[in-house]
């Protein structure tokens, strides 16, 4: 069964998927997906995003958190963050949190 690609909106709530081993390596987060047996380097900003979504957060909340950390314009942040989140979703590293 082919999974329908999620289209993220600013209000989509995301959370980490279980079963990933994450560790810090020289200030960047690296991850091993146990399910897939694949290794991912999230980098510094990706690592911050990963930390933010340890509990369910909307895309808007993720962007607001990153703005506080990096003092970046909201539009630029959104343009960079949404494709990154899409790729995490595609790799089944994060999921859309269940409502309620």
PDB file of N, CA and C in Angstrom:
ATOM      1  N   UNK A   1       0.836  -1.190   0.000  1.00  0.00           N
ATOM      2  CA  UNK A   1       0.000   0.000   0.000  1.00  0.00           C
ATOM      3  C   UNK A   1       0.878   1.249   0.000  1.00  0.00           C
ATOM      4  N   UNK A   2       0.650   2.131  -0.941  1.00  0.00           N
ATOM      5  CA  UNK A   2       1.430   3.359  -1.030  1.00  0.00           C
ATOM      6  C   UNK A   2       0.837   4.395  -0.088  1.00  0.00           C
ATOM      7  N   UNK A   3       1.705   5.002   0.710  1.00  0.00           N
ATOM      8  CA  UNK A   3       1.263   6.001   1.664  1.00  0.00           C
ATOM      9  C   UNK A   3       1.097   7.339   0.962  1.00  0.00           C
ATOM     10  N   UNK A   4      -0.052   7.972   1.198  1.00  0.00           N
ATOM     11  CA  UNK A   4      -0.318   9.292   0.621  1.00  0.00           C
ATOM     12  C   UNK A   4       0.630  10.304   1.260  1.00  0.00           C
ATOM     13  N   UNK A   5       1.249  11.121   0.441  1.00  0.00           N
ATOM     14  CA  UNK A   5       2.160  12.142   0.954  1.00  0.00           C
ATOM     15  C   UNK A   5       1.366  13.165   1.769  1.00  0.00           C
ATOM     16  N   UNK A   6       1.828  13.425   2.966  1.00  0.00           N
ATOM     17  CA  UNK A   6       1.188  14.432   3.815  1.00  0.00           C
ATOM     18  C   UNK A   6       1.539  15.807   3.281  1.00  0.00           C
ATOM     19  N   UNK A   7       0.545  16.650   3.166  1.00  0.00           N
ATOM     20  CA  UNK A   7       0.796  18.046   2.841  1.00  0.00           C
ATOM     21  C   UNK A   7       0.746  18.802   4.167  1.00  0.00           C
ATOM     22  N   UNK A   8       1.867  19.391   4.522  1.00  0.00           N
ATOM     23  CA  UNK A   8       1.944  20.070   5.806  1.00  0.00           C
ATOM     24  C   UNK A   8       1.374  21.474   5.720  1.00  0.00           C
ATOM     25  N   UNK A   9       0.606  21.832   6.715  1.00  0.00           N
ATOM     26  CA  UNK A   9       0.154  23.215   6.859  1.00  0.00           C
ATOM     27  C   UNK A   9       0.789  23.753   8.127  1.00  0.00           C
ATOM     28  N   UNK A  10       0.649  25.021   8.351  1.00  0.00           N
ATOM     29  CA  UNK A  10       1.208  25.676   9.529  1.00  0.00           C
ATOM     30  C   UNK A  10       0.583  25.107  10.810  1.00  0.00           C
ATOM     31  N   UNK A  11      -0.616  24.534  10.694  1.00  0.00           N
ATOM     32  CA  UNK A  11      -1.331  24.009  11.866  1.00  0.00           C
ATOM     33  C   UNK A  11      -1.149  22.502  12.062  1.00  0.00           C
ATOM     34  N   UNK A  12      -0.455  21.823  11.134  1.00  0.00           N
ATOM     35  CA  UNK A  12      -0.224  20.383  11.287  1.00  0.00           C
ATOM     36  C   UNK A  12       0.600  20.140  12.545  1.00  0.00           C
ATOM     37  N   UNK A  13       0.158  19.193  13.369  1.00  0.00           N
ATOM     38  CA  UNK A  13       0.876  18.865  14.598  1.00  0.00           C
ATOM     39  C   UNK A  13       1.699  17.602  14.362  1.00  0.00           C
ATOM     40  N   UNK A  14       2.996  17.704  14.662  1.00  0.00           N
ATOM     41  CA  UNK A  14       3.932  16.613  14.402  1.00  0.00           C
ATOM     42  C   UNK A  14       4.582  16.132  15.691  1.00  0.00           C
ATOM     43  N   UNK A  15       5.035  14.892  15.673  1.00  0.00           N
ATOM     44  CA  UNK A  15       5.736  14.326  16.820  1.00  0.00           C
ATOM     45  C   UNK A  15       6.734  13.283  16.304  1.00  0.00           C
ATOM     46  N   UNK A  16       7.778  13.015  17.102  1.00  0.00           N
ATOM     47  CA  UNK A  16       8.765  12.010  16.731  1.00  0.00           C
ATOM     48  C   UNK A  16       8.115  10.626  16.660  1.00  0.00           C
ATOM     49  N   UNK A  17       8.625   9.790  15.768  1.00  0.00           N
ATOM     50  CA  UNK A  17       8.250   8.376  15.769  1.00  0.00           C
ATOM     51  C   UNK A  17       9.168   7.643  16.739  1.00  0.00           C
ATOM     52  N   UNK A  18       8.661   6.544  17.273  1.00  0.00           N
ATOM     53  CA  UNK A  18       9.452   5.726  18.196  1.00  0.00           C
ATOM     54  C   UNK A  18      10.499   4.929  17.416  1.00  0.00           C
ATOM     55  N   UNK A  19      11.482   4.403  18.147  1.00  0.00           N
ATOM     56  CA  UNK A  19      12.403   3.444  17.550  1.00  0.00           C
ATOM     57  C   UNK A  19      13.574   4.048  16.812  1.00  0.00           C
ATOM     58  N   UNK A  20      13.998   5.233  17.221  1.00  0.00           N
ATOM     59  CA  UNK A  20      15.184   5.848  16.623  1.00  0.00           C
ATOM     60  C   UNK A  20      16.209   6.090  17.724  1.00  0.00           C
ATOM     61  N   UNK A  21      17.453   5.786  17.433  1.00  0.00           N
ATOM     62  CA  UNK A  21      18.528   6.069  18.376  1.00  0.00           C
ATOM     63  C   UNK A  21      19.172   7.370  17.924  1.00  0.00           C
ATOM     64  N   UNK A  22      19.164   8.365  18.808  1.00  0.00           N
ATOM     65  CA  UNK A  22      19.677   9.690  18.470  1.00  0.00           C
ATOM     66  C   UNK A  22      20.843  10.007  19.384  1.00  0.00           C
ATOM     67  N   UNK A  23      21.900  10.580  18.817  1.00  0.00           N
ATOM     68  CA  UNK A  23      23.018  10.976  19.659  1.00  0.00           C
ATOM     69  C   UNK A  23      23.655  12.245  19.120  1.00  0.00           C
ATOM     70  N   UNK A  24      24.368  12.938  19.996  1.00  0.00           N
ATOM     71  CA  UNK A  24      25.061  14.163  19.603  1.00  0.00           C
ATOM     72  C   UNK A  24      26.466  13.828  19.139  1.00  0.00           C
ATOM     73  N   UNK A  25      26.850  14.410  18.012  1.00  0.00           N
ATOM     74  CA  UNK A  25      28.196  14.211  17.491  1.00  0.00           C
ATOM     75  C   UNK A  25      28.714  15.566  17.025  1.00  0.00           C
ATOM     76  N   UNK A  26      29.631  16.133  17.772  1.00  0.00           N
ATOM     77  CA  UNK A  26      30.209  17.440  17.437  1.00  0.00           C
ATOM     78  C   UNK A  26      29.144  18.514  17.225  1.00  0.00           C
ATOM     79  N   UNK A  27      28.150  18.563  18.113  1.00  0.00           N
ATOM     80  CA  UNK A  27      27.133  19.610  18.039  1.00  0.00           C
ATOM     81  C   UNK A  27      26.013  19.330  17.057  1.00  0.00           C
ATOM     82  N   UNK A  28      26.070  18.218  16.349  1.00  0.00           N
ATOM     83  CA  UNK A  28      25.001  17.857  15.420  1.00  0.00           C
ATOM     84  C   UNK A  28      24.331  16.584  15.906  1.00  0.00           C
ATOM     85  N   UNK A  29      23.047  16.453  15.606  1.00  0.00           N
ATOM     86  CA  UNK A  29      22.327  15.233  15.976  1.00  0.00           C
ATOM     87  C   UNK A  29      22.413  14.240  14.827  1.00  0.00           C
ATOM     88  N   UNK A  30      22.766  13.007  15.183  1.00  0.00           N
ATOM     89  CA  UNK A  30      22.749  11.916  14.220  1.00  0.00           C
ATOM     90  C   UNK A  30      21.773  10.870  14.726  1.00  0.00           C
ATOM     91  N   UNK A  31      21.165  10.152  13.808  1.00  0.00           N
ATOM     92  CA  UNK A  31      20.090   9.242  14.166  1.00  0.00           C
ATOM     93  C   UNK A  31      20.217   7.937  13.391  1.00  0.00           C
ATOM     94  N   UNK A  32      19.907   6.850  14.086  1.00  0.00           N
ATOM     95  CA  UNK A  32      19.812   5.550  13.443  1.00  0.00           C
ATOM     96  C   UNK A  32      18.359   5.110  13.549  1.00  0.00           C
ATOM     97  N   UNK A  33      17.742   4.879  12.407  1.00  0.00           N
ATOM     98  CA  UNK A  33      16.383   4.359  12.383  1.00  0.00           C
ATOM     99  C   UNK A  33      16.476   2.840  12.488  1.00  0.00           C
ATOM    100  N   UNK A  34      16.030   2.309  13.618  1.00  0.00           N
ATOM    101  CA  UNK A  34      16.084   0.871  13.858  1.00  0.00           C
ATOM    102  C   UNK A  34      15.243   0.140  12.805  1.00  0.00           C
ATOM    103  N   UNK A  35      14.029   0.653  12.555  1.00  0.00           N
ATOM    104  CA  UNK A  35      13.116   0.014  11.603  1.00  0.00           C
ATOM    105  C   UNK A  35      13.738  -0.128  10.221  1.00  0.00           C
ATOM    106  N   UNK A  36      14.359   0.957   9.756  1.00  0.00           N
ATOM    107  CA  UNK A  36      14.873   0.974   8.385  1.00  0.00           C
ATOM    108  C   UNK A  36      16.332   0.557   8.292  1.00  0.00           C
ATOM    109  N   UNK A  37      17.031   0.574   9.437  1.00  0.00           N
ATOM    110  CA  UNK A  37      18.463   0.305   9.395  1.00  0.00           C
ATOM    111  C   UNK A  37      19.212   1.384   8.638  1.00  0.00           C
ATOM    112  N   UNK A  38      18.676   2.614   8.688  1.00  0.00           N
ATOM    113  CA  UNK A  38      19.299   3.728   7.976  1.00  0.00           C
ATOM    114  C   UNK A  38      19.822   4.754   8.969  1.00  0.00           C
ATOM    115  N   UNK A  39      20.850   5.453   8.557  1.00  0.00           N
ATOM    116  CA  UNK A  39      21.523   6.452   9.372  1.00  0.00           C
ATOM    117  C   UNK A  39      21.212   7.836   8.799  1.00  0.00           C
ATOM    118  N   UNK A  40      20.902   8.785   9.659  1.00  0.00           N
ATOM    119  CA  UNK A  40      20.574  10.142   9.219  1.00  0.00           C
ATOM    120  C   UNK A  40      21.406  11.141  10.017  1.00  0.00           C
ATOM    121  N   UNK A  41      21.910  12.174   9.346  1.00  0.00           N
ATOM    122  CA  UNK A  41      22.556  13.285  10.041  1.00  0.00           C
ATOM    123  C   UNK A  41      21.588  14.454   9.971  1.00  0.00           C
ATOM    124  N   UNK A  42      21.029  14.816  11.124  1.00  0.00           N
ATOM    125  CA  UNK A  42      20.045  15.898  11.158  1.00  0.00           C
ATOM    126  C   UNK A  42      20.696  17.267  11.166  1.00  0.00           C
ATOM    127  N   UNK A  43      21.986  17.333  11.473  1.00  0.00           N
ATOM    128  CA  UNK A  43      22.660  18.610  11.567  1.00  0.00           C
ATOM    129  C   UNK A  43      22.257  19.336  12.842  1.00  0.00           C
ATOM    130  N   UNK A  44      22.708  20.553  12.986  1.00  0.00           N
ATOM    131  CA  UNK A  44      22.416  21.315  14.201  1.00  0.00           C
ATOM    132  C   UNK A  44      20.974  21.787  14.249  1.00  0.00           C
ATOM    133  N   UNK A  45      20.507  22.427  13.187  1.00  0.00           N
ATOM    134  CA  UNK A  45      19.134  22.936  13.165  1.00  0.00           C
ATOM    135  C   UNK A  45      18.148  21.779  13.176  1.00  0.00           C
ATOM    136  N   UNK A  46      18.434  20.746  12.395  1.00  0.00           N
ATOM    137  CA  UNK A  46      17.576  19.560  12.398  1.00  0.00           C
ATOM    138  C   UNK A  46      17.507  18.923  13.774  1.00  0.00           C
ATOM    139  N   UNK A  47      18.636  18.952  14.474  1.00  0.00           N
ATOM    140  CA  UNK A  47      18.667  18.441  15.843  1.00  0.00           C
ATOM    141  C   UNK A  47      17.796  19.256  16.773  1.00  0.00           C
ATOM    142  N   UNK A  48      17.808  20.572  16.567  1.00  0.00           N
ATOM    143  CA  UNK A  48      16.934  21.441  17.370  1.00  0.00           C
ATOM    144  C   UNK A  48      15.469  21.138  17.070  1.00  0.00           C
ATOM    145  N   UNK A  49      15.151  20.947  15.791  1.00  0.00           N
ATOM    146  CA  UNK A  49      13.777  20.602  15.412  1.00  0.00           C
ATOM    147  C   UNK A  49      13.389  19.279  16.059  1.00  0.00           C
ATOM    148  N   UNK A  50      14.297  18.301  16.032  1.00  0.00           N
ATOM    149  CA  UNK A  50      14.028  16.995  16.624  1.00  0.00           C
ATOM    150  C   UNK A  50      13.712  17.146  18.118  1.00  0.00           C
ATOM    151  N   UNK A  51      14.487  17.975  18.804  1.00  0.00           N
ATOM    152  CA  UNK A  51      14.254  18.201  20.237  1.00  0.00           C
ATOM    153  C   UNK A  51      12.900  18.853  20.479  1.00  0.00           C
ATOM    154  N   UNK A  52      12.545  19.808  19.632  1.00  0.00           N
ATOM    155  CA  UNK A  52      11.272  20.528  19.783  1.00  0.00           C
ATOM    156  C   UNK A  52      10.095  19.556  19.676  1.00  0.00           C
ATOM    157  N   UNK A  53      10.182  18.585  18.759  1.00  0.00           N
ATOM    158  CA  UNK A  53       9.049  17.684  18.547  1.00  0.00           C
ATOM    159  C   UNK A  53       9.138  16.400  19.371  1.00  0.00           C
ATOM    160  N   UNK A  54       9.864  16.460  20.487  1.00  0.00           N
ATOM    161  CA  UNK A  54       9.841  15.318  21.413  1.00  0.00           C
ATOM    162  C   UNK A  54       8.438  15.195  22.005  1.00  0.00           C
ATOM    163  N   UNK A  55       7.712  16.310  22.035  1.00  0.00           N
ATOM    164  CA  UNK A  55       6.286  16.306  22.356  1.00  0.00           C
ATOM    165  C   UNK A  55       5.567  16.922  21.159  1.00  0.00           C
ATOM    166  N   UNK A  56       4.291  16.587  20.936  1.00  0.00           N
ATOM    167  CA  UNK A  56       3.594  17.101  19.748  1.00  0.00           C
ATOM    168  C   UNK A  56       3.629  18.630  19.656  1.00  0.00           C
ATOM    169  N   UNK A  57       4.010  19.127  18.500  1.00  0.00           N
ATOM    170  CA  UNK A  57       4.084  20.567  18.231  1.00  0.00           C
ATOM    171  C   UNK A  57       3.570  20.850  16.826  1.00  0.00           C
ATOM    172  N   UNK A  58       2.893  21.975  16.678  1.00  0.00           N
ATOM    173  CA  UNK A  58       2.449  22.382  15.343  1.00  0.00           C
ATOM    174  C   UNK A  58       3.640  22.944  14.564  1.00  0.00           C
ATOM    175  N   UNK A  59       3.515  22.939  13.249  1.00  0.00           N
ATOM    176  CA  UNK A  59       4.558  23.514  12.402  1.00  0.00           C
ATOM    177  C   UNK A  59       4.795  24.968  12.817  1.00  0.00           C
ATOM    178  N   UNK A  60       3.723  25.672  13.137  1.00  0.00           N
ATOM    179  CA  UNK A  60       3.847  27.076  13.575  1.00  0.00           C
ATOM    180  C   UNK A  60       4.691  27.177  14.849  1.00  0.00           C
ATOM    181  N   UNK A  61       4.455  26.280  15.820  1.00  0.00           N
ATOM    182  CA  UNK A  61       5.230  26.297  17.068  1.00  0.00           C
ATOM    183  C   UNK A  61       6.701  25.968  16.813  1.00  0.00           C
ATOM    184  N   UNK A  62       6.955  25.053  15.892  1.00  0.00           N
ATOM    185  CA  UNK A  62       8.336  24.702  15.544  1.00  0.00           C
ATOM    186  C   UNK A  62       9.044  25.928  14.988  1.00  0.00           C
ATOM    187  N   UNK A  63       8.384  26.618  14.059  1.00  0.00           N
ATOM    188  CA  UNK A  63       8.965  27.812  13.438  1.00  0.00           C
ATOM    189  C   UNK A  63       9.204  28.898  14.484  1.00  0.00           C
ATOM    190  N   UNK A  64       8.225  29.108  15.383  1.00  0.00           N
ATOM    191  CA  UNK A  64       8.383  30.123  16.426  1.00  0.00           C
ATOM    192  C   UNK A  64       9.559  29.792  17.348  1.00  0.00           C
ATOM    193  N   UNK A  65       9.712  28.520  17.692  1.00  0.00           N
ATOM    194  CA  UNK A  65      10.837  28.108  18.541  1.00  0.00           C
ATOM    195  C   UNK A  65      12.171  28.374  17.846  1.00  0.00           C
ATOM    196  N   UNK A  66      12.259  28.039  16.563  1.00  0.00           N
ATOM    197  CA  UNK A  66      13.495  28.252  15.815  1.00  0.00           C
ATOM    198  C   UNK A  66      13.803  29.744  15.666  1.00  0.00           C
ATOM    199  N   UNK A  67      12.760  30.558  15.524  1.00  0.00           N
ATOM    200  CA  UNK A  67      12.963  32.006  15.432  1.00  0.00           C
ATOM    201  C   UNK A  67      13.619  32.532  16.709  1.00  0.00           C
ATOM    202  N   UNK A  68      13.209  32.003  17.849  1.00  0.00           N
ATOM    203  CA  UNK A  68      13.792  32.433  19.118  1.00  0.00           C
ATOM    204  C   UNK A  68      15.254  32.005  19.221  1.00  0.00           C
ATOM    205  N   UNK A  69      15.553  30.793  18.752  1.00  0.00           N
ATOM    206  CA  UNK A  69      16.923  30.273  18.841  1.00  0.00           C
ATOM    207  C   UNK A  69      17.851  31.002  17.865  1.00  0.00           C
ATOM    208  N   UNK A  70      17.399  31.176  16.617  1.00  0.00           N
ATOM    209  CA  UNK A  70      18.282  31.655  15.550  1.00  0.00           C
ATOM    210  C   UNK A  70      18.018  33.092  15.080  1.00  0.00           C
ATOM    211  N   UNK A  71      17.014  33.754  15.655  1.00  0.00           N
ATOM    212  CA  UNK A  71      16.683  35.129  15.241  1.00  0.00           C
ATOM    213  C   UNK A  71      16.569  35.224  13.715  1.00  0.00           C
ATOM    214  N   UNK A  72      15.705  34.390  13.149  1.00  0.00           N
ATOM    215  CA  UNK A  72      15.508  34.329  11.700  1.00  0.00           C
ATOM    216  C   UNK A  72      14.092  34.802  11.365  1.00  0.00           C
ATOM    217  N   UNK A  73      13.932  35.362  10.182  1.00  0.00           N
ATOM    218  CA  UNK A  73      12.639  35.820   9.694  1.00  0.00           C
ATOM    219  C   UNK A  73      11.675  34.635   9.554  1.00  0.00           C
ATOM    220  N   UNK A  74      10.418  34.837   9.935  1.00  0.00           N
ATOM    221  CA  UNK A  74       9.416  33.764   9.924  1.00  0.00           C
ATOM    222  C   UNK A  74       9.240  33.146   8.535  1.00  0.00           C
ATOM    223  N   UNK A  75       9.183  33.976   7.493  1.00  0.00           N
ATOM    224  CA  UNK A  75       8.965  33.459   6.137  1.00  0.00           C
ATOM    225  C   UNK A  75      10.139  32.599   5.671  1.00  0.00           C
ATOM    226  N   UNK A  76      11.349  33.065   5.922  1.00  0.00           N
ATOM    227  CA  UNK A  76      12.546  32.305   5.537  1.00  0.00           C
ATOM    228  C   UNK A  76      12.580  30.994   6.310  1.00  0.00           C
ATOM    229  N   UNK A  77      12.291  31.075   7.584  1.00  0.00           N
ATOM    230  CA  UNK A  77      12.290  29.886   8.433  1.00  0.00           C
ATOM    231  C   UNK A  77      11.277  28.873   7.907  1.00  0.00           C
ATOM    232  N   UNK A  78      10.078  29.332   7.594  1.00  0.00           N
ATOM    233  CA  UNK A  78       9.024  28.447   7.088  1.00  0.00           C
ATOM    234  C   UNK A  78       9.454  27.786   5.780  1.00  0.00           C
ATOM    235  N   UNK A  79      10.072  28.564   4.882  1.00  0.00           N
ATOM    236  CA  UNK A  79      10.511  28.025   3.592  1.00  0.00           C
ATOM    237  C   UNK A  79      11.556  26.924   3.759  1.00  0.00           C
ATOM    238  N   UNK A  80      12.378  27.024   4.810  1.00  0.00           N
ATOM    239  CA  UNK A  80      13.413  26.013   5.054  1.00  0.00           C
ATOM    240  C   UNK A  80      12.891  24.833   5.862  1.00  0.00           C
ATOM    241  N   UNK A  81      12.023  25.102   6.825  1.00  0.00           N
ATOM    242  CA  UNK A  81      11.585  24.077   7.769  1.00  0.00           C
ATOM    243  C   UNK A  81      10.580  23.105   7.154  1.00  0.00           C
ATOM    244  N   UNK A  82       9.614  23.607   6.397  1.00  0.00           N
ATOM    245  CA  UNK A  82       8.561  22.728   5.871  1.00  0.00           C
ATOM    246  C   UNK A  82       9.138  21.623   4.975  1.00  0.00           C
ATOM    247  N   UNK A  83      10.044  21.922   4.024  1.00  0.00           N
ATOM    248  CA  UNK A  83      10.613  20.818   3.229  1.00  0.00           C
ATOM    249  C   UNK A  83      11.391  19.812   4.088  1.00  0.00           C
ATOM    250  N   UNK A  84      12.087  20.304   5.123  1.00  0.00           N
ATOM    251  CA  UNK A  84      12.814  19.406   6.024  1.00  0.00           C
ATOM    252  C   UNK A  84      11.839  18.483   6.758  1.00  0.00           C
ATOM    253  N   UNK A  85      10.747  19.052   7.264  1.00  0.00           N
ATOM    254  CA  UNK A  85       9.739  18.242   7.950  1.00  0.00           C
ATOM    255  C   UNK A  85       9.114  17.232   6.994  1.00  0.00           C
ATOM    256  N   UNK A  86       8.865  17.652   5.737  1.00  0.00           N
ATOM    257  CA  UNK A  86       8.310  16.734   4.728  1.00  0.00           C
ATOM    258  C   UNK A  86       9.241  15.545   4.542  1.00  0.00           C
ATOM    259  N   UNK A  87      10.548  15.808   4.496  1.00  0.00           N
ATOM    260  CA  UNK A  87      11.487  14.704   4.286  1.00  0.00           C
ATOM    261  C   UNK A  87      11.520  13.777   5.504  1.00  0.00           C
ATOM    262  N   UNK A  88      11.421  14.328   6.721  1.00  0.00           N
ATOM    263  CA  UNK A  88      11.353  13.481   7.925  1.00  0.00           C
ATOM    264  C   UNK A  88      10.089  12.620   7.899  1.00  0.00           C
ATOM    265  N   UNK A  89       8.984  13.209   7.454  1.00  0.00           N
ATOM    266  CA  UNK A  89       7.719  12.471   7.340  1.00  0.00           C
ATOM    267  C   UNK A  89       7.862  11.338   6.336  1.00  0.00           C
ATOM    268  N   UNK A  90       8.457  11.659   5.181  1.00  0.00           N
ATOM    269  CA  UNK A  90       8.622  10.674   4.112  1.00  0.00           C
ATOM    270  C   UNK A  90       9.467   9.486   4.584  1.00  0.00           C
ATOM    271  N   UNK A  91      10.442   9.753   5.440  1.00  0.00           N
ATOM    272  CA  UNK A  91      11.323   8.701   5.956  1.00  0.00           C
ATOM    273  C   UNK A  91      10.732   8.003   7.182  1.00  0.00           C
ATOM    274  N   UNK A  92       9.507   8.384   7.573  1.00  0.00           N
ATOM    275  CA  UNK A  92       8.836   7.818   8.754  1.00  0.00           C
ATOM    276  C   UNK A  92       9.610   8.048  10.047  1.00  0.00           C
ATOM    277  N   UNK A  93      10.286   9.190  10.141  1.00  0.00           N
ATOM    278  CA  UNK A  93      10.995   9.556  11.366  1.00  0.00           C
ATOM    279  C   UNK A  93      10.095  10.365  12.287  1.00  0.00           C
ATOM    280  N   UNK A  94       9.121  11.068  11.684  1.00  0.00           N
ATOM    281  CA  UNK A  94       8.110  11.798  12.430  1.00  0.00           C
ATOM    282  C   UNK A  94       6.752  11.414  11.875  1.00  0.00           C
ATOM    283  N   UNK A  95       5.714  11.737  12.622  1.00  0.00           N
ATOM    284  CA  UNK A  95       4.359  11.455  12.151  1.00  0.00           C
ATOM    285  C   UNK A  95       3.436  12.602  12.560  1.00  0.00           C
ATOM    286  N   UNK A  96       2.292  12.661  11.893  1.00  0.00           N
ATOM    287  CA  UNK A  96       1.273  13.629  12.281  1.00  0.00           C
ATOM    288  C   UNK A  96       0.639  13.093  13.571  1.00  0.00           C
ATOM    289  N   UNK A  97       0.613  13.924  14.591  1.00  0.00           N
ATOM    290  CA  UNK A  97       0.086  13.505  15.896  1.00  0.00           C
ATOM    291  C   UNK A  97      -1.432  13.330  15.801  1.00  0.00           C
ATOM    292  N   UNK A  98      -1.920  12.344  16.499  1.00  0.00           N
ATOM    293  CA  UNK A  98      -3.348  12.106  16.523  1.00  0.00           C
ATOM    294  C   UNK A  98      -4.048  13.239  17.252  1.00  0.00           C
ATOM    295  N   UNK A  99      -5.157  13.677  16.718  1.00  0.00           N
ATOM    296  CA  UNK A  99      -5.915  14.744  17.382  1.00  0.00           C
ATOM    297  C   UNK A  99      -6.516  14.186  18.663  1.00  0.00           C
ATOM    298  N   UNK A 100      -6.470  15.007  19.722  1.00  0.00           N
ATOM    299  CA  UNK A 100      -7.057  14.586  20.990  1.00  0.00           C
ATOM    300  C   UNK A 100      -6.100  13.681  21.681  1.00  0.00           C
TER     301      UNK A 100
END
